[in-house]
Amino acid sequence: MQTEFDYIVVGAGSAGAIVAARLAENDSASVLLLEAGPKDRSPLLHVPAAMRHAYNAPKYNWSYETEPEPFLNGRTLVQPRGRVLGGSSSINGLLYLRGHPLDYDGWAEAGAKGWSYAEVLPYFQRLETRVDGNPEYQGRKGRIGVSTMGGDHPLTRAFLAAGREAGYLATDDVNGAQQDGFGLLPKNVANGRRSSTARCYLRNPPANLDIQANCHVRTLVIESRAARGIRFVRSGQEVVARARREVILAAGAFNSPLILMQSGIGRAAQLRKHRIEVIHDLPGVGENLMDHPLTSLQVRCTKPVTLYRYLNPFSQARGVAEWALTRKGLLASNHFDAVCFIRTRAGVRFPNLQIALFQIAVAEGSSEFVREHAFQLQFTCQRPQSRGYVRLSSNDPFAAPRIRCNLLGHPEDVGEMAAGLRLSRELLAKPSLAAFTGEEIFPGADVQDDAEIEAWLRETCHSSYHPSGTCKMGVDPMAVVDPECRVHGIDRLRVVDSSVMPIIPSANLNCPTMMIGEKAADMIAGKPPLPPANLPYFTDPHWATRQR
């Protein structure tokens, strides 16, 4: 293979695939895209309903685990991350959510100049093709196909109606002018297939884009405080590829800081501990790890309308055949069809709780479905205050990093999750959902007071698989990259993935990470940013004095 390129991009995931494809639109620039995992050829990676199998398949997954979590009774948490073309966009739950406009205004206020809502909205629009929603806010010509579905399911209708009965707003589009309220869930699904960045950006690559799978990066090549290339292993042999212009790390919130530290960029004491030569003392590398804590309220369903009715060989065979022939039917959805974004209390300016309806229940501590008609309300704290870290476990570049999320480490997060349980129970008691709600399976009706709820949360909360912030963007002493994603103190090196988020958005992270890829690609190519879109957005005028 060629060993000198203008740009080298490490990681063909949610951001990296986009960066590489956009840079290669300049046919005079050569681009090398390195991916540790294989190509995305398995049908499991393209069938929306197969998402559980995709993110549990070791072949396509880094299969990381955290250290024992001190605020979760010492439990270790699984951390599936995509190790395949498309990265986590090829294995995730397909929920396509931007977050609230004030999330991005918060980024700008935190030092990420140029990343306000008005400045990122054009890149969200460039990213997508969506046939519903307000065209002022949505994209119509992008590469990622987006859709909503399932609005006619009895449980979906009941969930949306229960929101109205509880006094909440309805929203036509949680990615549009109004995130607040109850509405249908957008998904990166088009024509019955997953819209991963591999499928939407890397098919039929131009001649100047060299995509190399099954390549494990060892270290950066740093000379005179500038990134000059990458050392990686392919088929058991070490290869050095050199970059004439820039190296872009897009390896994700765990692996981008890991590669920096293995290359001598990070907190000096940590590097010396593992006998790594310190190239640049950058203390924020691997710190500021953020994630959304998640758990579920599960109930028996009094009517046979859940997905349990399809858990039989005949229905599944028919579903496979229908999807194979028409790309429609049971397998064309992830079956997360409805969601709400609400505030847990007065004094919170914009939604800090997400509750999503899943039309079946998943057994606690397992990936298997409950073997009866049941459903769950899955809720997450959207703006957690807890912070964790990613650190070296050794100087072996093939060793997994040490990860600690510290979920529920901040008392405010515990309070917001406790409110999530109470508000979910309130929804189930409203007439529309009460018509389907039987006995509470999990946590059970005996879990009621503050101490019981907190104990249950610490025993059951887990990660939403939304790691971010470990190479945060900004200008403060703990920032790793500047607002153009350039690593502080090292020339010709950028990080472009969820690790640069200074504050975790109020949403699942795949869509915001893809937006980062689109916006950073323009920065790297030296293009002027897209003109800001100064569109209005909703905030509840009574947020200071009431919860809804």
Protein backbone atom coordinates (compact mmCIF):
# COMPACT_ATOMS: atom_id res chain seq x y z
CA MET A 1 0.00 0.00 0.00
CA GLN A 2 0.97 3.65 -0.41
CA THR A 3 2.60 4.98 2.79
CA GLU A 4 2.44 8.76 2.36
CA PHE A 5 -0.79 10.76 2.26
CA ASP A 6 -1.96 14.30 2.73
CA TYR A 7 -4.31 13.30 5.56
CA ILE A 8 -4.51 10.26 7.82
CA VAL A 9 -7.77 9.66 9.67
CA VAL A 10 -7.77 7.11 12.50
CA GLY A 11 -11.15 5.50 13.06
CA ALA A 12 -13.86 4.96 10.41
CA GLY A 13 -16.71 5.62 12.82
CA SER A 14 -19.46 8.16 13.30
CA ALA A 15 -17.15 11.14 12.75
CA GLY A 16 -14.06 9.66 11.10
CA ALA A 17 -15.86 8.20 8.09
CA ILE A 18 -17.42 11.61 7.43
CA VAL A 19 -14.14 13.51 7.80
CA ALA A 20 -12.34 11.15 5.43
CA ALA A 21 -15.10 11.22 2.83
CA ARG A 22 -15.39 15.01 2.90
CA LEU A 23 -11.62 15.57 2.65
CA ALA A 24 -11.51 13.18 -0.31
CA GLU A 25 -14.01 15.39 -2.17
CA ASN A 26 -10.89 17.40 -3.06
CA ASP A 27 -9.50 15.05 -5.69
CA SER A 28 -6.04 16.57 -5.34
CA ALA A 29 -5.82 15.45 -1.68
CA SER A 30 -4.91 11.88 -0.74
CA VAL A 31 -6.58 10.44 2.36
CA LEU A 32 -5.84 7.28 4.36
CA LEU A 33 -8.66 6.03 6.60
CA LEU A 34 -7.62 3.39 9.15
CA GLU A 35 -10.13 1.14 10.93
CA ALA A 36 -9.23 -1.42 13.59
CA GLY A 37 -12.18 -3.67 12.77
CA PRO A 38 -13.45 -5.43 9.64
CA LYS A 39 -15.66 -4.21 6.84
CA ASP A 40 -19.39 -3.94 7.50
CA ARG A 41 -20.52 -6.87 5.37
CA SER A 42 -22.73 -8.74 7.86
CA PRO A 43 -26.53 -8.33 7.48
CA LEU A 44 -26.65 -7.93 11.27
CA LEU A 45 -25.16 -4.47 10.81
CA HIS A 46 -27.87 -3.33 8.41
CA VAL A 47 -31.12 -4.78 9.79
CA PRO A 48 -32.57 -2.27 12.30
CA ALA A 49 -34.23 -4.91 14.49
CA ALA A 50 -30.90 -6.76 14.80
CA MET A 51 -29.32 -3.95 16.83
CA ARG A 52 -29.00 -6.10 19.99
CA HIS A 53 -27.11 -8.74 18.06
CA ALA A 54 -24.90 -6.11 16.40
CA TYR A 55 -23.67 -4.51 19.60
CA ASN A 56 -23.25 -7.85 21.35
CA ALA A 57 -21.16 -9.40 18.55
CA PRO A 58 -17.47 -9.56 19.63
CA LYS A 59 -16.31 -9.40 16.03
CA TYR A 60 -17.61 -5.84 15.68
CA ASN A 61 -17.11 -4.58 19.22
CA TRP A 62 -14.20 -3.39 21.37
CA SER A 63 -16.09 -5.02 24.28
CA TYR A 64 -14.63 -2.72 26.90
CA GLU A 65 -15.64 -2.83 30.55
CA THR A 66 -15.29 -0.27 33.29
CA GLU A 67 -13.44 -0.69 36.53
CA PRO A 68 -15.69 -1.49 39.52
CA GLU A 69 -17.92 1.57 39.75
CA PRO A 70 -17.73 3.03 43.28
CA PHE A 71 -21.21 4.59 43.21
CA LEU A 72 -22.92 1.53 41.68
CA ASN A 73 -22.11 -0.98 44.42
CA GLY A 74 -18.83 -1.93 42.78
CA ARG A 75 -20.42 -3.27 39.61
CA THR A 76 -18.46 -3.26 36.36
CA LEU A 77 -20.30 -1.90 33.34
CA VAL A 78 -20.05 -3.13 29.77
CA GLN A 79 -19.04 -0.50 27.21
CA PRO A 80 -19.76 -1.72 23.68
CA ARG A 81 -18.04 0.43 21.05
CA GLY A 82 -18.07 -0.19 17.32
CA ARG A 83 -14.99 -1.92 15.92
CA VAL A 84 -16.05 -2.08 12.27
CA LEU A 85 -16.42 0.29 9.34
CA GLY A 86 -18.97 2.82 10.55
CA GLY A 87 -17.87 2.41 14.16
CA SER A 88 -20.69 2.70 16.67
CA SER A 89 -23.01 4.01 13.94
CA SER A 90 -22.96 0.42 12.65
CA ILE A 91 -23.94 -1.23 15.94
CA ASN A 92 -25.89 1.30 18.02
CA GLY A 93 -29.60 1.64 18.81
CA LEU A 94 -30.34 3.90 15.80
CA LEU A 95 -31.83 6.76 17.82
CA TYR A 96 -31.16 9.94 15.87
CA LEU A 97 -31.38 12.87 18.28
CA ARG A 98 -29.67 16.25 18.05
CA GLY A 99 -30.10 17.53 21.58
CA HIS A 100 -31.47 20.86 22.73
CA PRO A 101 -30.36 24.15 21.14
CA LEU A 102 -29.21 25.37 24.55
CA ASP A 103 -26.77 22.44 24.72
CA TYR A 104 -24.77 24.01 21.91
CA ASP A 105 -25.10 27.56 23.16
CA GLY A 106 -23.63 26.08 26.34
CA TRP A 107 -20.69 24.70 24.35
CA ALA A 108 -19.94 28.18 23.00
CA GLU A 109 -20.19 29.67 26.50
CA ALA A 110 -17.80 26.99 27.79
CA GLY A 111 -15.10 28.08 25.35
CA ALA A 112 -16.02 26.22 22.15
CA LYS A 113 -16.33 29.36 20.03
CA GLY A 114 -18.10 28.67 16.74
CA TRP A 115 -20.20 25.78 18.10
CA SER A 116 -23.37 27.62 19.16
CA TYR A 117 -26.73 26.23 18.02
CA ALA A 118 -27.00 28.70 15.15
CA GLU A 119 -23.53 27.63 13.98
CA VAL A 120 -24.01 23.86 14.26
CA LEU A 121 -27.58 23.69 12.90
CA PRO A 122 -26.45 24.02 9.24
CA TYR A 123 -24.19 20.98 9.75
CA PHE A 124 -27.01 18.95 11.27
CA GLN A 125 -29.00 19.86 8.16
CA ARG A 126 -26.16 18.99 5.77
CA LEU A 127 -25.88 15.61 7.44
CA GLU A 128 -29.37 14.28 6.78
CA THR A 129 -32.15 13.53 4.37
CA ARG A 130 -35.49 13.59 6.12
CA VAL A 131 -38.90 13.60 4.47
CA ASP A 132 -40.94 14.68 7.50
CA GLY A 133 -40.51 17.55 9.95
CA ASN A 134 -40.17 21.28 9.31
CA PRO A 135 -37.86 21.83 6.31
CA GLU A 136 -36.51 25.01 7.96
CA TYR A 137 -34.91 22.86 10.63
CA GLN A 138 -34.36 19.57 8.79
CA GLY A 139 -32.05 18.51 5.98
CA ARG A 140 -33.34 17.28 2.65
CA LYS A 141 -30.16 16.47 0.71
CA GLY A 142 -27.80 14.86 3.22
CA ARG A 143 -26.32 11.37 3.20
CA ILE A 144 -27.85 10.01 6.42
CA GLY A 145 -31.43 8.86 5.87
CA VAL A 146 -33.71 9.67 8.81
CA SER A 147 -37.30 8.58 9.48
CA THR A 148 -39.95 8.20 12.15
CA MET A 149 -42.26 5.20 12.32
CA GLY A 150 -44.55 3.26 14.61
CA GLY A 151 -46.96 6.08 15.35
CA ASP A 152 -49.96 3.80 14.84
CA HIS A 153 -48.91 1.18 17.43
CA PRO A 154 -51.38 1.01 20.35
CA LEU A 155 -48.65 1.50 22.97
CA THR A 156 -47.18 4.44 21.07
CA ARG A 157 -50.57 6.13 20.85
CA ALA A 158 -51.18 5.46 24.53
CA PHE A 159 -47.77 6.86 25.55
CA LEU A 160 -48.30 10.08 23.59
CA ALA A 161 -51.83 10.44 24.95
CA ALA A 162 -50.62 9.85 28.53
CA GLY A 163 -48.25 12.78 28.09
CA ARG A 164 -51.15 15.04 27.19
CA GLU A 165 -53.20 13.70 30.11
CA ALA A 166 -50.29 14.49 32.45
CA GLY A 167 -50.21 18.09 31.22
CA TYR A 168 -47.10 17.93 29.05
CA LEU A 169 -46.64 19.43 25.60
CA ALA A 170 -46.67 17.47 22.36
CA THR A 171 -43.95 18.09 19.79
CA ASP A 172 -44.06 17.39 16.07
CA ASP A 173 -40.27 17.01 15.97
CA VAL A 174 -37.89 16.59 18.90
CA ASN A 175 -35.04 17.62 16.54
CA GLY A 176 -36.80 20.80 15.41
CA ALA A 177 -37.80 24.03 17.09
CA GLN A 178 -39.23 22.27 20.17
CA GLN A 179 -37.49 19.39 21.88
CA ASP A 180 -39.73 19.70 24.95
CA GLY A 181 -42.62 17.25 25.15
CA PHE A 182 -43.85 13.96 23.75
CA GLY A 183 -43.29 12.87 20.17
CA LEU A 184 -42.08 10.20 17.78
CA LEU A 185 -38.44 9.12 17.82
CA PRO A 186 -36.34 9.91 14.74
CA LYS A 187 -34.10 7.04 13.64
CA ASN A 188 -31.21 6.81 11.23
CA VAL A 189 -33.16 4.29 9.16
CA ALA A 190 -33.98 4.73 5.47
CA ASN A 191 -35.86 2.28 3.28
CA GLY A 192 -35.75 -0.29 6.05
CA ARG A 193 -31.95 -0.25 6.45
CA ARG A 194 -29.56 1.26 8.99
CA SER A 195 -28.02 4.54 7.84
CA SER A 196 -24.50 4.07 9.17
CA THR A 197 -21.64 6.34 8.18
CA ALA A 198 -20.01 3.35 6.46
CA ARG A 199 -23.01 2.78 4.24
CA CYS A 200 -23.74 6.46 3.62
CA TYR A 201 -20.22 7.91 3.25
CA LEU A 202 -17.82 5.10 2.36
CA ARG A 203 -19.57 3.14 -0.38
CA ASN A 204 -17.78 3.44 -3.73
CA PRO A 205 -14.94 5.61 -2.40
CA PRO A 206 -12.99 7.81 -4.82
CA ALA A 207 -9.50 6.76 -5.90
CA ASN A 208 -7.87 9.28 -3.55
CA LEU A 209 -9.48 7.70 -0.45
CA ASP A 210 -7.65 4.59 0.75
CA ILE A 211 -9.73 2.67 3.32
CA GLN A 212 -7.77 0.10 5.29
CA ALA A 213 -9.66 -2.22 7.68
CA ASN A 214 -8.18 -4.50 10.37
CA CYS A 215 -5.42 -2.01 11.22
CA HIS A 216 -4.62 -1.48 14.90
CA VAL A 217 -2.91 1.84 15.63
CA ARG A 218 0.06 1.72 18.00
CA THR A 219 1.18 5.36 18.28
CA LEU A 220 1.38 8.65 16.51
CA VAL A 221 4.64 9.64 14.85
CA ILE A 222 5.59 12.92 16.55
CA GLU A 223 8.60 14.91 15.32
CA SER A 224 9.47 18.43 16.51
CA ARG A 225 6.13 18.69 18.35
CA ALA A 226 4.15 17.96 15.19
CA ALA A 227 2.21 14.88 14.09
CA ARG A 228 3.92 13.38 11.05
CA GLY A 229 2.20 10.02 10.76
CA ILE A 230 0.89 6.84 12.36
CA ARG A 231 2.40 3.51 13.41
CA PHE A 232 -0.08 0.69 13.03
CA VAL A 233 -0.19 -3.09 12.80
CA ARG A 234 -1.74 -4.89 9.85
CA SER A 235 -1.60 -8.67 9.41
CA GLY A 236 0.95 -8.86 12.22
CA GLN A 237 3.36 -6.40 10.59
CA GLU A 238 4.08 -2.86 11.77
CA VAL A 239 3.53 -0.19 9.13
CA VAL A 240 4.38 3.51 9.29
CA ALA A 241 2.23 5.87 7.22
CA ARG A 242 3.21 9.52 6.98
CA ALA A 243 0.95 12.55 6.64
CA ARG A 244 2.03 15.56 4.61
CA ARG A 245 -0.66 17.79 6.13
CA GLU A 246 -2.50 16.47 9.20
CA VAL A 247 -3.36 13.46 11.32
CA ILE A 248 -6.95 13.29 12.60
CA LEU A 249 -7.83 11.04 15.53
CA ALA A 250 -11.47 9.93 15.32
CA ALA A 251 -11.15 6.77 17.40
CA GLY A 252 -13.83 7.64 19.94
CA ALA A 253 -14.01 8.80 23.54
CA PHE A 254 -12.02 5.80 24.82
CA ASN A 255 -9.48 5.19 22.08
CA SER A 256 -8.58 8.74 21.04
CA PRO A 257 -7.24 9.62 24.51
CA LEU A 258 -5.65 6.17 24.69
CA ILE A 259 -3.70 6.77 21.46
CA LEU A 260 -2.64 10.23 22.66
CA MET A 261 -1.34 8.82 25.94
CA GLN A 262 0.45 5.90 24.24
CA SER A 263 2.12 8.55 22.06
CA GLY A 264 3.36 10.59 25.03
CA ILE A 265 0.61 13.22 25.13
CA GLY A 266 -1.28 13.44 28.41
CA ARG A 267 -0.79 13.96 32.13
CA ALA A 268 2.96 13.62 32.66
CA ALA A 269 2.73 11.67 35.92
CA GLN A 270 0.45 9.06 34.32
CA LEU A 271 2.76 8.66 31.34
CA ARG A 272 5.87 8.27 33.48
CA LYS A 273 4.06 5.71 35.64
CA HIS A 274 3.83 3.51 32.55
CA ARG A 275 7.33 4.34 31.29
CA ILE A 276 6.15 6.37 28.34
CA GLU A 277 8.30 9.30 27.23
CA VAL A 278 6.48 12.57 27.83
CA ILE A 279 6.17 14.48 24.57
CA HIS A 280 3.63 16.99 25.86
CA ASP A 281 2.15 17.37 29.36
CA LEU A 282 -1.57 17.80 28.63
CA PRO A 283 -3.47 16.97 31.85
CA GLY A 284 -6.99 16.91 30.39
CA VAL A 285 -6.38 13.87 28.18
CA GLY A 286 -8.73 11.13 29.35
CA GLU A 287 -10.42 13.26 32.02
CA ASN A 288 -13.97 14.69 32.04
CA LEU A 289 -15.60 11.40 30.92
CA MET A 290 -19.37 11.91 30.71
CA ASP A 291 -22.22 9.46 30.09
CA HIS A 292 -25.98 9.33 30.60
CA PRO A 293 -27.05 7.01 33.46
CA LEU A 294 -29.93 4.77 32.37
CA THR A 295 -32.41 2.32 33.83
CA SER A 296 -35.96 1.11 33.09
CA LEU A 297 -39.37 0.80 34.70
CA GLN A 298 -40.99 -2.45 33.49
CA VAL A 299 -44.60 -3.55 33.73
CA ARG A 300 -46.71 -6.45 32.54
CA CYS A 301 -48.97 -5.56 29.64
CA THR A 302 -52.64 -6.44 30.03
CA LYS A 303 -53.23 -6.65 26.27
CA PRO A 304 -51.34 -8.84 23.76
CA VAL A 305 -49.86 -5.94 21.79
CA THR A 306 -46.16 -6.10 22.68
CA LEU A 307 -43.34 -7.54 20.61
CA TYR A 308 -43.57 -10.73 22.67
CA ARG A 309 -46.21 -11.98 20.24
CA TYR A 310 -43.48 -12.18 17.57
CA LEU A 311 -41.00 -14.21 19.65
CA ASN A 312 -41.78 -17.45 17.88
CA PRO A 313 -40.06 -19.19 14.95
CA PHE A 314 -42.92 -18.62 12.48
CA SER A 315 -43.19 -14.86 13.07
CA GLN A 316 -39.44 -14.42 12.99
CA ALA A 317 -39.05 -16.40 9.75
CA ARG A 318 -41.83 -14.36 8.17
CA GLY A 319 -40.16 -11.14 9.36
CA VAL A 320 -36.83 -12.15 7.85
CA ALA A 321 -38.47 -13.01 4.54
CA GLU A 322 -40.44 -9.76 4.44
CA TRP A 323 -37.37 -7.67 5.17
CA ALA A 324 -35.26 -9.54 2.62
CA LEU A 325 -37.86 -9.05 -0.10
CA THR A 326 -39.28 -5.60 0.68
CA ARG A 327 -37.10 -3.97 3.41
CA LYS A 328 -40.35 -3.58 5.40
CA GLY A 329 -42.04 -5.24 8.32
CA LEU A 330 -40.95 -6.24 11.78
CA LEU A 331 -37.21 -6.09 11.09
CA ALA A 332 -37.28 -2.60 9.56
CA SER A 333 -37.49 -0.85 12.94
CA ASN A 334 -35.66 -0.79 16.26
CA HIS A 335 -39.08 -0.55 17.98
CA PHE A 336 -38.20 2.51 20.01
CA ASP A 337 -40.93 4.64 18.49
CA ALA A 338 -41.90 7.29 21.05
CA VAL A 339 -40.01 9.51 23.47
CA CYS A 340 -40.44 12.47 25.73
CA PHE A 341 -38.02 15.16 26.84
CA ILE A 342 -39.24 16.78 30.05
CA ARG A 343 -37.96 18.75 33.03
CA THR A 344 -37.84 17.00 36.39
CA ARG A 345 -38.57 20.12 38.45
CA ALA A 346 -39.19 23.84 38.33
CA GLY A 347 -36.05 25.91 37.88
CA VAL A 348 -34.61 23.69 35.13
CA ARG A 349 -34.55 25.74 31.94
CA PHE A 350 -34.76 22.92 29.39
CA PRO A 351 -35.42 19.16 29.48
CA ASN A 352 -33.06 17.13 31.65
CA LEU A 353 -34.91 13.79 31.45
CA GLN A 354 -35.52 11.49 28.51
CA ILE A 355 -38.13 8.72 28.73
CA ALA A 356 -38.38 6.31 25.79
CA LEU A 357 -41.00 3.63 25.24
CA PHE A 358 -39.83 0.14 24.28
CA GLN A 359 -42.57 -2.26 23.19
CA ILE A 360 -41.10 -5.21 25.08
CA ALA A 361 -39.18 -5.64 28.34
CA VAL A 362 -35.56 -6.78 28.59
CA ALA A 363 -34.72 -8.99 31.56
CA GLU A 364 -32.62 -7.18 34.17
CA GLY A 365 -28.92 -7.97 33.89
CA SER A 366 -29.44 -9.69 30.55
CA SER A 367 -29.90 -8.95 26.87
CA GLU A 368 -32.80 -11.41 26.69
CA PHE A 369 -36.45 -10.40 26.49
CA VAL A 370 -38.91 -11.05 29.31
CA ARG A 371 -40.93 -14.08 28.22
CA GLU A 372 -44.37 -12.56 28.57
CA HIS A 373 -46.29 -9.53 27.37
CA ALA A 374 -44.51 -6.61 29.02
CA PHE A 375 -43.06 -3.22 28.09
CA GLN A 376 -40.70 -0.70 29.61
CA LEU A 377 -40.13 3.01 30.00
CA GLN A 378 -36.40 3.60 29.72
CA PHE A 379 -35.24 6.84 31.33
CA THR A 380 -31.96 8.74 31.42
CA CYS A 381 -30.58 11.81 33.15
CA GLN A 382 -29.69 14.04 30.22
CA ARG A 383 -27.22 16.45 31.83
CA PRO A 384 -25.30 14.44 34.43
CA GLN A 385 -22.88 16.19 36.75
CA SER A 386 -20.77 13.08 37.46
CA ARG A 387 -17.41 12.84 35.73
CA GLY A 388 -15.14 9.85 35.16
CA TYR A 389 -11.91 9.12 33.35
CA VAL A 390 -10.04 7.01 30.80
CA ARG A 391 -6.47 6.06 31.73
CA LEU A 392 -3.69 3.76 30.64
CA SER A 393 -3.56 0.25 32.01
CA SER A 394 -0.04 -0.30 30.61
CA ASN A 395 2.27 0.89 27.84
CA ASP A 396 1.04 -1.94 25.61
CA PRO A 397 -0.99 -0.31 22.81
CA PHE A 398 -3.08 -3.48 22.53
CA ALA A 399 -4.17 -3.31 26.18
CA ALA A 400 -7.65 -2.04 26.99
CA PRO A 401 -7.79 1.29 28.82
CA ARG A 402 -8.89 1.73 32.41
CA ILE A 403 -12.37 3.24 32.33
CA ARG A 404 -14.37 4.61 35.23
CA CYS A 405 -17.65 6.42 34.54
CA ASN A 406 -18.46 7.35 38.15
CA LEU A 407 -22.16 7.21 37.28
CA LEU A 408 -24.36 8.55 40.10
CA GLY A 409 -21.25 10.01 41.71
CA HIS A 410 -22.99 13.38 42.02
CA PRO A 411 -26.07 13.65 44.28
CA GLU A 412 -27.91 15.75 41.70
CA ASP A 413 -27.80 12.84 39.24
CA VAL A 414 -29.33 10.53 41.84
CA GLY A 415 -32.14 13.02 42.38
CA GLU A 416 -32.84 13.38 38.67
CA MET A 417 -32.97 9.61 38.16
CA ALA A 418 -35.26 9.19 41.18
CA ALA A 419 -37.53 11.80 39.63
CA GLY A 420 -37.39 9.80 36.40
CA LEU A 421 -38.85 6.77 38.15
CA ARG A 422 -41.61 8.78 39.84
CA LEU A 423 -42.55 10.62 36.64
CA SER A 424 -42.56 7.35 34.66
CA ARG A 425 -44.89 5.79 37.22
CA GLU A 426 -47.13 8.83 36.95
CA LEU A 427 -47.39 8.32 33.19
CA LEU A 428 -48.35 4.67 33.61
CA ALA A 429 -51.19 5.73 35.90
CA LYS A 430 -52.76 8.04 33.31
CA PRO A 431 -55.88 6.57 31.65
CA SER A 432 -54.39 5.92 28.23
CA LEU A 433 -51.40 3.90 29.51
CA ALA A 434 -53.25 2.48 32.52
CA ALA A 435 -55.40 0.57 30.01
CA PHE A 436 -52.28 -1.47 29.13
CA THR A 437 -50.46 -1.47 32.48
CA GLY A 438 -50.45 -4.50 34.73
CA GLU A 439 -48.22 -5.41 37.65
CA GLU A 440 -44.92 -3.59 37.99
CA ILE A 441 -42.12 -6.08 37.34
CA PHE A 442 -39.15 -3.84 37.93
CA PRO A 443 -38.31 -2.30 40.35
CA GLY A 444 -41.53 -3.52 41.93
CA ALA A 445 -44.26 -1.75 43.86
CA ASP A 446 -42.39 -2.16 47.17
CA VAL A 447 -39.68 0.32 46.07
CA GLN A 448 -41.21 3.63 47.14
CA ASP A 449 -39.32 5.88 49.55
CA ASP A 450 -36.17 7.87 48.78
CA ALA A 451 -33.79 5.36 50.35
CA GLU A 452 -35.38 2.39 48.54
CA ILE A 453 -35.29 4.20 45.20
CA GLU A 454 -31.67 5.27 45.64
CA ALA A 455 -30.66 1.71 46.57
CA TRP A 456 -32.45 0.38 43.48
CA LEU A 457 -30.78 2.95 41.24
CA ARG A 458 -27.31 2.11 42.53
CA GLU A 459 -27.98 -1.57 41.92
CA THR A 460 -29.48 -1.24 38.42
CA CYS A 461 -28.34 1.95 36.65
CA HIS A 462 -25.94 1.40 33.82
CA SER A 463 -24.36 3.25 30.94
CA SER A 464 -26.28 4.57 27.95
CA TYR A 465 -23.08 3.87 25.95
CA HIS A 466 -22.64 7.60 25.37
CA PRO A 467 -19.01 8.26 26.41
CA SER A 468 -17.83 11.79 25.70
CA GLY A 469 -15.64 14.66 26.84
CA THR A 470 -12.28 12.90 27.28
CA CYS A 471 -10.46 15.28 24.89
CA LYS A 472 -12.69 18.23 25.56
CA MET A 473 -12.76 21.33 23.41
CA GLY A 474 -12.01 24.70 24.95
CA VAL A 475 -9.38 27.12 26.18
CA ASP A 476 -9.18 26.28 29.91
CA PRO A 477 -6.24 24.33 31.42
CA MET A 478 -8.06 20.98 31.13
CA ALA A 479 -9.01 21.45 27.47
CA VAL A 480 -7.29 19.08 25.05
CA VAL A 481 -8.31 20.65 21.74
CA ASP A 482 -9.14 24.18 20.65
CA PRO A 483 -12.44 25.15 18.97
CA GLU A 484 -11.05 23.91 15.64
CA CYS A 485 -10.31 20.49 17.17
CA ARG A 486 -6.53 21.07 17.09
CA VAL A 487 -4.62 19.43 19.94
CA HIS A 488 -3.11 22.06 22.21
CA GLY A 489 0.66 22.11 21.98
CA ILE A 490 1.05 19.69 19.04
CA ASP A 491 0.93 20.87 15.45
CA ARG A 492 -0.85 19.08 12.59
CA LEU A 493 -2.94 16.95 14.96
CA ARG A 494 -6.69 17.05 15.57
CA VAL A 495 -9.26 15.02 17.44
CA VAL A 496 -12.71 14.75 15.86
CA ASP A 497 -15.22 12.57 17.72
CA SER A 498 -17.43 12.60 20.84
CA SER A 499 -14.38 13.03 23.05
CA VAL A 500 -14.19 16.75 22.12
CA MET A 501 -17.64 17.55 23.52
CA PRO A 502 -17.14 20.01 26.38
CA ILE A 503 -20.59 19.21 27.82
CA ILE A 504 -22.65 16.12 27.04
CA PRO A 505 -25.73 16.99 24.95
CA SER A 506 -29.28 16.23 26.06
CA ALA A 507 -29.57 13.42 23.53
CA ASN A 508 -28.08 10.18 22.29
CA LEU A 509 -24.67 11.00 20.86
CA ASN A 510 -24.50 9.44 17.41
CA CYS A 511 -26.14 12.35 15.60
CA PRO A 512 -24.12 15.07 17.42
CA THR A 513 -20.93 13.12 16.74
CA MET A 514 -21.72 12.95 13.03
CA MET A 515 -22.38 16.69 13.08
CA ILE A 516 -18.92 17.21 14.61
CA GLY A 517 -17.47 15.22 11.71
CA GLU A 518 -19.22 17.41 9.14
CA LYS A 519 -18.21 20.69 10.77
CA ALA A 520 -14.62 19.67 11.50
CA ALA A 521 -14.15 18.48 7.91
CA ASP A 522 -14.71 22.03 6.70
CA MET A 523 -12.22 23.33 9.26
CA ILE A 524 -9.55 20.85 8.22
CA ALA A 525 -10.10 21.58 4.53
CA GLY A 526 -9.79 25.31 5.18
CA LYS A 527 -13.32 26.05 4.00
CA PRO A 528 -15.35 28.89 5.51
CA PRO A 529 -18.06 27.67 7.90
CA LEU A 530 -21.61 27.38 6.64
CA PRO A 531 -23.63 30.54 7.39
CA PRO A 532 -25.32 30.44 10.81
CA ALA A 533 -29.02 29.53 10.89
CA ASN A 534 -30.56 31.93 13.37
CA LEU A 535 -33.86 30.11 13.82
CA PRO A 536 -36.04 30.45 16.92
CA TYR A 537 -36.47 27.61 19.38
CA PHE A 538 -38.80 26.90 22.26
CA THR A 539 -38.12 27.24 25.97
CA ASP A 540 -41.01 27.05 28.41
CA PRO A 541 -41.74 30.62 29.55
CA HIS A 542 -42.70 29.28 32.98
CA TRP A 543 -39.63 27.09 33.50
CA ALA A 544 -38.49 28.98 36.60
CA THR A 545 -41.70 28.43 38.54
CA ARG A 546 -43.21 25.14 37.39
CA GLN A 547 -42.20 21.70 36.18
CA ARG A 548 -44.68 21.49 33.29
